[in-house]
Amino acid sequence: MARIDAFLKLGLAQGCSDVHLAVGVPPMLRMNGDLMPIKFRQLSDSELEAYVREILTTQQIERLEAGHDVDFSYVSEDGGRFRVNVFRKVTGIGAVFRFIPGDVPTLDQLGMPKVLTDFCDYHQGMVLVTGSTGTGKSTTLAAMINHLNETRSLNIISLEDPIEFVHPSKKCQVIQRELNTHVRSFAAGVRSALREDPDVILVGELRDAETIMMAMTAAETGHLVLGTLHTTSAVKTIDRIIDALPGELREQTKAFLSMSLKAVVTQVLIKTVDGRGRRAVLEILVNNRAIAKMITTDQTHQISSQMQTGVDAGMQLMDAALLTAIQKKEIDPDDAIRFAGNKKNFQRFVTDTDRAPLIDVGGNQILTGS
């Protein structure tokens, strides 16, 4: 058994989401969003490097020694599955292990709105799940793939970095390919997938212009494309895509988004009221004629107003979703206020006044400190 498995086993027993290993500090666990050290000595550079090398392949060691981060999936001896990132920093090596549940969750188990199952019924176009790192985007997409796998007969090709949830083929054929193991880049993977008779293509991250353009091509040519971006709202997602591509493609990109972007789901993870878990809260944009026109006429700043009136279509802004979850006592208001746009509307729900931010008359947080 690799020595690092002992830390991972402890983390799973405590119910953590991540295990952090770094030089100069004891191992740490991410518990419901908070980082907590375990009772262990501070790790030295040589000790931690020896631990990590036990689970790396020769190719991964060479990549790490060349100065690159290493991303891969790892299955511990007791069967726990993890997404791993190994890196170097000023004081030495470091590693983060994200726990991946063995069973793929369903959309119902995640408490997702019904409109997400409607997105799975699309036969072509692009659906994006966005949010900061660690907000559960991969879990939401895995649940959507699972729904497709159980309800439709399709060829699904997923491109991941690395593979997280493993999908056994049910009604669908699910082909999972990993970056740097099966394909050299997301763009190359999409290009290859288009020759493999796909119905659905999942792109782990639209991280560069080439990948975005290939995903757009796939969505325009009769495929359903699911993907992620590290953006924190629906409007910012649209702006990011437009800004990511060369200026001469701006009009073409806006035309694509107006016609082929089906939906944007932006999510955050908020602590539950009892503090024993976290729950995803979603902002949802469903493209319609009004929003499509705003995209083509450079009026994306007005999309939020359209989303406010699109509740019947399943749309919701983040602030409205947070308020609803607070009123249903599903999430902790002291945690939720950190993610609110107009924080003034949330002040009356805050119970920990020491944690409540100072708010100006416009509802914005006042930054303090030197």
Protein backbone atom coordinates (compact mmCIF):
# COMPACT_ATOMS: atom_id res chain seq x y z
CA MET A 1 0.00 0.00 0.00
CA ALA A 2 1.29 3.47 -0.87
CA ARG A 3 1.98 5.43 2.30
CA ILE A 4 -0.09 8.32 1.04
CA ASP A 5 -3.18 6.07 1.20
CA ALA A 6 -3.23 6.42 5.00
CA PHE A 7 -3.95 10.17 4.69
CA LEU A 8 -6.58 9.54 2.03
CA LYS A 9 -8.28 6.87 4.15
CA LEU A 10 -8.38 9.27 7.11
CA GLY A 11 -9.82 12.01 4.93
CA LEU A 12 -12.59 9.76 3.62
CA ALA A 13 -13.42 8.62 7.14
CA GLN A 14 -13.84 12.26 8.16
CA GLY A 15 -16.06 13.00 5.14
CA CYS A 16 -13.74 15.57 3.54
CA SER A 17 -13.87 16.66 -0.10
CA ASP A 18 -10.11 17.24 -0.53
CA VAL A 19 -6.81 16.23 1.06
CA HIS A 20 -4.00 18.81 0.84
CA LEU A 21 -0.35 17.84 1.24
CA ALA A 22 2.33 20.54 1.31
CA VAL A 23 5.84 21.04 2.70
CA GLY A 24 6.13 22.74 6.08
CA VAL A 25 2.59 22.05 7.30
CA PRO A 26 0.72 18.93 8.42
CA PRO A 27 -1.74 17.30 5.99
CA MET A 28 -4.97 19.27 5.72
CA LEU A 29 -8.57 18.29 4.99
CA ARG A 30 -11.22 20.37 3.24
CA MET A 31 -14.28 19.94 5.43
CA ASN A 32 -17.49 21.58 4.16
CA GLY A 33 -15.46 24.34 2.53
CA ASP A 34 -13.02 24.95 5.42
CA LEU A 35 -9.39 23.78 5.46
CA MET A 36 -8.45 21.98 8.68
CA PRO A 37 -5.08 20.41 9.68
CA ILE A 38 -4.94 16.86 11.01
CA LYS A 39 -2.87 15.87 14.03
CA PHE A 40 0.39 14.99 12.31
CA ARG A 41 3.88 16.42 12.05
CA GLN A 42 4.84 19.02 9.46
CA LEU A 43 5.82 17.34 6.20
CA SER A 44 9.38 17.79 4.94
CA ASP A 45 10.23 18.18 1.26
CA SER A 46 12.04 14.82 1.00
CA GLU A 47 9.33 12.99 2.94
CA LEU A 48 6.44 14.31 0.85
CA GLU A 49 8.31 13.79 -2.42
CA ALA A 50 8.88 10.15 -1.46
CA TYR A 51 5.18 9.73 -0.68
CA VAL A 52 4.09 11.26 -3.99
CA ARG A 53 6.59 9.38 -6.16
CA GLU A 54 5.12 6.09 -4.96
CA ILE A 55 1.94 6.75 -6.94
CA LEU A 56 3.43 8.42 -10.06
CA THR A 57 4.29 6.69 -13.32
CA THR A 58 7.69 7.17 -14.93
CA GLN A 59 6.13 9.54 -17.46
CA GLN A 60 4.49 11.59 -14.72
CA ILE A 61 7.77 11.84 -12.79
CA GLU A 62 9.52 13.09 -15.92
CA ARG A 63 6.80 15.68 -16.46
CA LEU A 64 7.06 16.86 -12.84
CA GLU A 65 10.85 17.09 -13.03
CA ALA A 66 10.51 19.14 -16.21
CA GLY A 67 8.64 21.78 -14.19
CA HIS A 68 5.07 20.89 -15.16
CA ASP A 69 2.07 20.19 -12.96
CA VAL A 70 0.74 16.65 -13.15
CA ASP A 71 -3.00 15.89 -13.24
CA PHE A 72 -4.26 12.34 -13.01
CA SER A 73 -6.83 10.09 -11.38
CA TYR A 74 -5.79 7.74 -8.60
CA VAL A 75 -7.49 4.77 -6.99
CA SER A 76 -6.25 3.97 -3.49
CA GLU A 77 -5.83 0.41 -2.26
CA ASP A 78 -9.19 0.48 -0.45
CA GLY A 79 -10.98 1.60 -3.62
CA GLY A 80 -11.30 5.35 -3.06
CA ARG A 81 -11.03 7.32 -6.30
CA PHE A 82 -9.36 10.74 -6.43
CA ARG A 83 -8.56 13.50 -8.89
CA VAL A 84 -4.98 14.51 -8.18
CA ASN A 85 -2.89 17.59 -8.93
CA VAL A 86 0.84 17.45 -8.09
CA PHE A 87 2.88 20.64 -8.34
CA ARG A 88 6.03 22.39 -7.17
CA LYS A 89 6.16 25.64 -5.22
CA VAL A 90 8.76 27.73 -3.38
CA THR A 91 9.14 25.33 -0.45
CA GLY A 92 8.94 22.11 -2.46
CA ILE A 93 6.39 19.65 -3.75
CA GLY A 94 2.65 19.80 -3.09
CA ALA A 95 -0.41 17.71 -3.94
CA VAL A 96 -4.19 18.00 -3.74
CA PHE A 97 -6.47 14.96 -3.80
CA ARG A 98 -10.16 15.54 -4.65
CA PHE A 99 -12.42 12.64 -3.64
CA ILE A 100 -14.61 11.27 -6.45
CA PRO A 101 -17.60 9.20 -5.22
CA GLY A 102 -17.82 5.73 -6.69
CA ASP A 103 -21.49 6.10 -7.61
CA VAL A 104 -22.44 8.77 -10.13
CA PRO A 105 -25.05 11.02 -8.46
CA THR A 106 -28.38 11.70 -10.10
CA LEU A 107 -29.74 15.18 -10.72
CA ASP A 108 -32.47 14.47 -8.15
CA GLN A 109 -29.91 13.46 -5.53
CA LEU A 110 -28.07 16.74 -6.11
CA GLY A 111 -31.33 18.67 -5.72
CA MET A 112 -31.05 20.19 -9.19
CA PRO A 113 -33.93 22.08 -10.80
CA LYS A 114 -35.98 20.11 -13.34
CA VAL A 115 -34.85 22.39 -16.15
CA LEU A 116 -31.45 20.65 -16.12
CA THR A 117 -33.12 17.41 -17.25
CA ASP A 118 -34.71 19.44 -20.05
CA PHE A 119 -31.22 20.50 -21.18
CA CYS A 120 -30.36 16.81 -21.55
CA ASP A 121 -33.17 16.44 -24.09
CA TYR A 122 -31.52 18.82 -26.57
CA HIS A 123 -30.26 17.13 -29.74
CA GLN A 124 -27.75 19.82 -30.65
CA GLY A 125 -26.27 23.06 -29.40
CA MET A 126 -24.11 23.99 -26.40
CA VAL A 127 -24.88 23.82 -22.68
CA LEU A 128 -22.26 25.26 -20.31
CA VAL A 129 -21.81 24.64 -16.59
CA THR A 130 -19.64 27.37 -15.07
CA GLY A 131 -18.27 28.50 -11.74
CA SER A 132 -15.07 28.87 -9.78
CA THR A 133 -12.77 25.93 -9.09
CA GLY A 134 -14.28 23.48 -6.62
CA THR A 135 -17.93 24.45 -7.08
CA GLY A 136 -19.07 21.04 -8.30
CA LYS A 137 -19.18 21.63 -12.06
CA SER A 138 -17.83 18.16 -12.83
CA THR A 139 -20.39 16.57 -10.51
CA THR A 140 -23.27 18.38 -12.21
CA LEU A 141 -22.04 17.35 -15.65
CA ALA A 142 -21.57 13.77 -14.46
CA ALA A 143 -25.19 13.73 -13.27
CA MET A 144 -26.34 15.05 -16.67
CA ILE A 145 -24.32 12.37 -18.48
CA ASN A 146 -25.82 9.77 -16.13
CA HIS A 147 -29.33 11.02 -16.98
CA LEU A 148 -28.59 10.71 -20.71
CA ASN A 149 -27.06 7.28 -20.13
CA GLU A 150 -30.24 6.06 -18.45
CA THR A 151 -32.85 7.65 -20.71
CA ARG A 152 -31.54 7.89 -24.29
CA SER A 153 -29.65 5.66 -26.74
CA LEU A 154 -26.65 7.76 -27.76
CA ASN A 155 -22.92 7.74 -28.38
CA ILE A 156 -21.40 9.97 -25.69
CA ILE A 157 -17.74 10.97 -25.89
CA SER A 158 -16.24 12.74 -22.88
CA LEU A 159 -12.88 14.52 -22.83
CA GLU A 160 -11.60 15.02 -19.29
CA ASP A 161 -8.50 16.20 -17.43
CA PRO A 162 -8.38 13.78 -15.70
CA ILE A 163 -11.24 11.27 -15.82
CA GLU A 164 -13.24 11.63 -12.61
CA PHE A 165 -16.56 9.77 -12.45
CA VAL A 166 -16.49 6.50 -14.39
CA HIS A 167 -19.66 5.91 -16.44
CA PRO A 168 -20.50 2.29 -17.28
CA SER A 169 -22.43 2.16 -20.54
CA LYS A 170 -26.17 1.66 -19.91
CA LYS A 171 -28.55 2.74 -22.69
CA CYS A 172 -25.74 4.82 -24.14
CA GLN A 173 -22.25 3.98 -25.26
CA VAL A 174 -20.03 6.18 -23.08
CA ILE A 175 -16.46 6.67 -24.28
CA GLN A 176 -14.24 8.49 -21.78
CA ARG A 177 -10.89 9.88 -22.93
CA GLU A 178 -8.26 11.55 -20.77
CA LEU A 179 -6.01 14.47 -21.61
CA ASN A 180 -2.33 13.50 -22.02
CA THR A 181 -3.28 9.83 -21.82
CA HIS A 182 -5.62 9.36 -24.79
CA VAL A 183 -5.59 12.81 -26.45
CA ARG A 184 -2.98 15.58 -26.47
CA SER A 185 -5.44 18.48 -26.02
CA PHE A 186 -9.14 19.21 -25.68
CA ALA A 187 -9.19 20.72 -29.17
CA ALA A 188 -7.57 17.62 -30.66
CA GLY A 189 -10.01 15.46 -28.73
CA VAL A 190 -13.04 17.32 -30.12
CA ARG A 191 -11.60 17.14 -33.64
CA SER A 192 -11.16 13.39 -33.25
CA ALA A 193 -14.59 12.95 -31.67
CA LEU A 194 -16.28 14.48 -34.71
CA ARG A 195 -15.02 11.48 -36.73
CA GLU A 196 -16.37 8.98 -34.18
CA ASP A 197 -20.12 9.37 -34.84
CA PRO A 198 -20.92 11.20 -31.59
CA ASP A 199 -24.31 12.39 -30.40
CA VAL A 200 -22.99 14.14 -27.28
CA ILE A 201 -19.50 15.53 -26.65
CA LEU A 202 -18.44 16.58 -23.16
CA VAL A 203 -15.48 18.97 -23.10
CA GLY A 204 -13.92 19.11 -19.64
CA GLU A 205 -12.91 22.74 -19.99
CA LEU A 206 -13.14 25.36 -22.74
CA ARG A 207 -9.75 26.70 -21.75
CA ASP A 208 -8.44 28.25 -24.98
CA ALA A 209 -9.57 29.75 -28.27
CA GLU A 210 -8.89 26.60 -30.30
CA THR A 211 -10.98 24.44 -27.99
CA ILE A 212 -13.83 26.96 -27.99
CA MET A 213 -13.83 27.09 -31.80
CA MET A 214 -13.84 23.30 -32.12
CA ALA A 215 -16.68 23.03 -29.57
CA MET A 216 -18.63 25.66 -31.50
CA THR A 217 -18.12 23.70 -34.70
CA ALA A 218 -19.41 20.53 -33.04
CA ALA A 219 -22.48 22.32 -31.65
CA GLU A 220 -23.26 23.87 -35.04
CA THR A 221 -23.02 20.56 -36.89
CA GLY A 222 -25.75 18.67 -35.08
CA HIS A 223 -24.18 17.58 -31.79
CA LEU A 224 -24.99 18.36 -28.17
CA VAL A 225 -21.86 19.83 -26.55
CA LEU A 226 -21.54 20.04 -22.76
CA GLY A 227 -18.66 22.00 -21.32
CA THR A 228 -17.31 24.09 -18.46
CA LEU A 229 -15.80 27.55 -18.01
CA HIS A 230 -14.35 29.24 -14.93
CA THR A 231 -16.80 32.15 -15.01
CA THR A 232 -19.01 33.37 -12.20
CA SER A 233 -22.21 34.41 -13.99
CA ALA A 234 -24.13 33.72 -17.17
CA VAL A 235 -23.38 37.15 -18.60
CA LYS A 236 -19.67 36.85 -17.86
CA THR A 237 -19.67 33.47 -19.61
CA ILE A 238 -21.01 34.97 -22.82
CA ASP A 239 -18.57 37.88 -22.64
CA ARG A 240 -15.65 35.52 -21.95
CA ILE A 241 -16.36 33.44 -25.05
CA ILE A 242 -16.67 36.51 -27.26
CA ASP A 243 -13.48 38.05 -25.87
CA ALA A 244 -11.52 34.77 -26.06
CA LEU A 245 -11.64 34.56 -29.85
CA PRO A 246 -9.81 36.77 -32.37
CA GLY A 247 -11.43 40.09 -33.21
CA GLU A 248 -12.14 39.07 -36.80
CA LEU A 249 -14.32 36.23 -35.48
CA ARG A 250 -16.34 38.44 -33.12
CA GLU A 251 -19.46 38.70 -35.29
CA GLN A 252 -19.31 35.00 -36.13
CA THR A 253 -19.02 34.14 -32.44
CA LYS A 254 -21.99 36.33 -31.51
CA ALA A 255 -24.03 34.69 -34.25
CA PHE A 256 -23.11 31.25 -32.93
CA LEU A 257 -24.01 32.14 -29.35
CA SER A 258 -27.33 33.64 -30.39
CA MET A 259 -28.34 30.49 -32.28
CA SER A 260 -26.50 27.53 -30.71
CA LEU A 261 -25.89 28.42 -27.06
CA LYS A 262 -28.83 26.71 -25.36
CA ALA A 263 -28.17 27.37 -21.68
CA VAL A 264 -25.63 28.50 -19.08
CA VAL A 265 -25.67 27.11 -15.54
CA THR A 266 -23.46 28.93 -13.03
CA GLN A 267 -23.11 27.39 -9.62
CA VAL A 268 -21.67 27.97 -6.17
CA LEU A 269 -21.48 25.64 -3.18
CA ILE A 270 -23.00 26.99 0.05
CA LYS A 271 -22.91 25.44 3.51
CA THR A 272 -26.14 23.87 4.67
CA VAL A 273 -27.91 25.26 7.73
CA ASP A 274 -26.60 22.47 9.97
CA GLY A 275 -23.04 23.03 8.71
CA ARG A 276 -22.61 19.35 7.87
CA GLY A 277 -22.52 19.68 4.11
CA ARG A 278 -22.73 22.00 1.14
CA ARG A 279 -25.43 22.52 -1.45
CA ALA A 280 -25.18 23.78 -5.01
CA VAL A 281 -27.09 26.99 -5.76
CA LEU A 282 -27.54 27.82 -9.43
CA GLU A 283 -27.91 30.79 -11.72
CA ILE A 284 -29.61 29.60 -14.91
CA LEU A 285 -29.85 31.25 -18.32
CA VAL A 286 -32.02 29.69 -21.02
CA ASN A 287 -31.42 31.27 -24.40
CA ASN A 288 -34.45 32.80 -26.13
CA ARG A 289 -35.10 35.32 -28.88
CA ALA A 290 -34.73 38.32 -26.61
CA ILE A 291 -31.40 37.16 -25.18
CA ALA A 292 -30.17 36.13 -28.63
CA LYS A 293 -30.84 39.67 -29.89
CA MET A 294 -28.99 41.17 -26.91
CA ILE A 295 -25.96 39.03 -27.76
CA THR A 296 -25.87 40.06 -31.42
CA THR A 297 -26.39 43.76 -30.64
CA ASP A 298 -23.71 43.97 -27.89
CA GLN A 299 -26.28 44.45 -25.13
CA THR A 300 -25.25 41.57 -22.88
CA HIS A 301 -25.47 43.92 -19.89
CA GLN A 302 -29.26 43.74 -20.27
CA ILE A 303 -29.44 39.94 -20.12
CA SER A 304 -29.82 39.90 -16.33
CA SER A 305 -33.07 41.88 -16.62
CA GLN A 306 -34.37 39.36 -19.15
CA MET A 307 -33.44 36.50 -16.83
CA GLN A 308 -35.53 38.08 -14.06
CA THR A 309 -38.62 37.82 -16.25
CA GLY A 310 -37.82 34.31 -17.51
CA VAL A 311 -38.72 32.35 -14.38
CA ASP A 312 -41.38 30.34 -16.23
CA ALA A 313 -38.68 29.10 -18.62
CA GLY A 314 -36.52 27.95 -15.70
CA MET A 315 -34.28 31.01 -15.52
CA GLN A 316 -33.03 32.46 -12.26
CA LEU A 317 -30.40 34.93 -11.13
CA MET A 318 -27.93 33.93 -8.43
CA ASP A 319 -29.28 36.41 -5.85
CA ALA A 320 -32.84 35.15 -6.34
CA ALA A 321 -31.69 31.52 -6.06
CA LEU A 322 -29.75 32.28 -2.87
CA LEU A 323 -32.72 34.07 -1.29
CA THR A 324 -35.06 31.21 -2.13
CA ALA A 325 -32.67 28.65 -0.63
CA ILE A 326 -32.27 30.76 2.52
CA GLN A 327 -36.03 31.10 2.94
CA LYS A 328 -36.41 27.32 2.56
CA LYS A 329 -33.70 26.92 5.24
CA GLU A 330 -31.57 24.89 2.84
CA ILE A 331 -28.38 26.97 3.19
CA ASP A 332 -26.53 29.02 5.80
CA PRO A 333 -27.21 32.74 5.23
CA ASP A 334 -23.87 33.66 6.83
CA ASP A 335 -22.13 31.73 4.05
CA ALA A 336 -24.57 32.69 1.29
CA ILE A 337 -24.01 36.44 1.65
CA ARG A 338 -20.44 36.00 0.39
CA PHE A 339 -21.79 35.04 -3.02
CA ALA A 340 -24.59 37.61 -3.28
CA GLY A 341 -24.42 40.48 -5.75
CA ASN A 342 -26.60 42.92 -3.84
CA LYS A 343 -25.59 42.03 -0.29
CA LYS A 344 -28.00 44.54 1.24
CA ASN A 345 -30.91 42.20 0.49
CA PHE A 346 -29.27 39.50 2.61
CA GLN A 347 -28.35 41.53 5.70
CA ARG A 348 -31.57 40.70 7.53
CA PHE A 349 -30.85 36.96 7.35
CA VAL A 350 -27.29 37.11 8.73
CA THR A 351 -26.95 35.70 12.24
CA ASP A 352 -23.19 36.12 12.73
CA THR A 353 -22.76 39.90 12.71
CA ASP A 354 -18.98 39.58 13.00
CA ARG A 355 -18.91 37.84 9.62
CA ALA A 356 -21.38 40.18 7.94
CA PRO A 357 -19.59 42.53 5.50
CA LEU A 358 -20.04 46.29 5.58
CA ILE A 359 -22.49 47.33 2.86
CA ASP A 360 -22.84 50.70 1.13
CA VAL A 361 -26.18 52.19 0.08
CA GLY A 362 -25.97 50.47 -3.28
CA GLY A 363 -25.73 47.03 -1.73
CA ASN A 364 -22.02 46.56 -2.47
CA GLN A 365 -19.45 45.28 -0.01
CA ILE A 366 -17.09 47.89 1.45
CA LEU A 367 -13.51 46.67 1.43
CA THR A 368 -11.58 47.38 4.61
CA GLY A 369 -7.91 47.27 5.53
CA SER A 370 -4.80 49.06 4.35
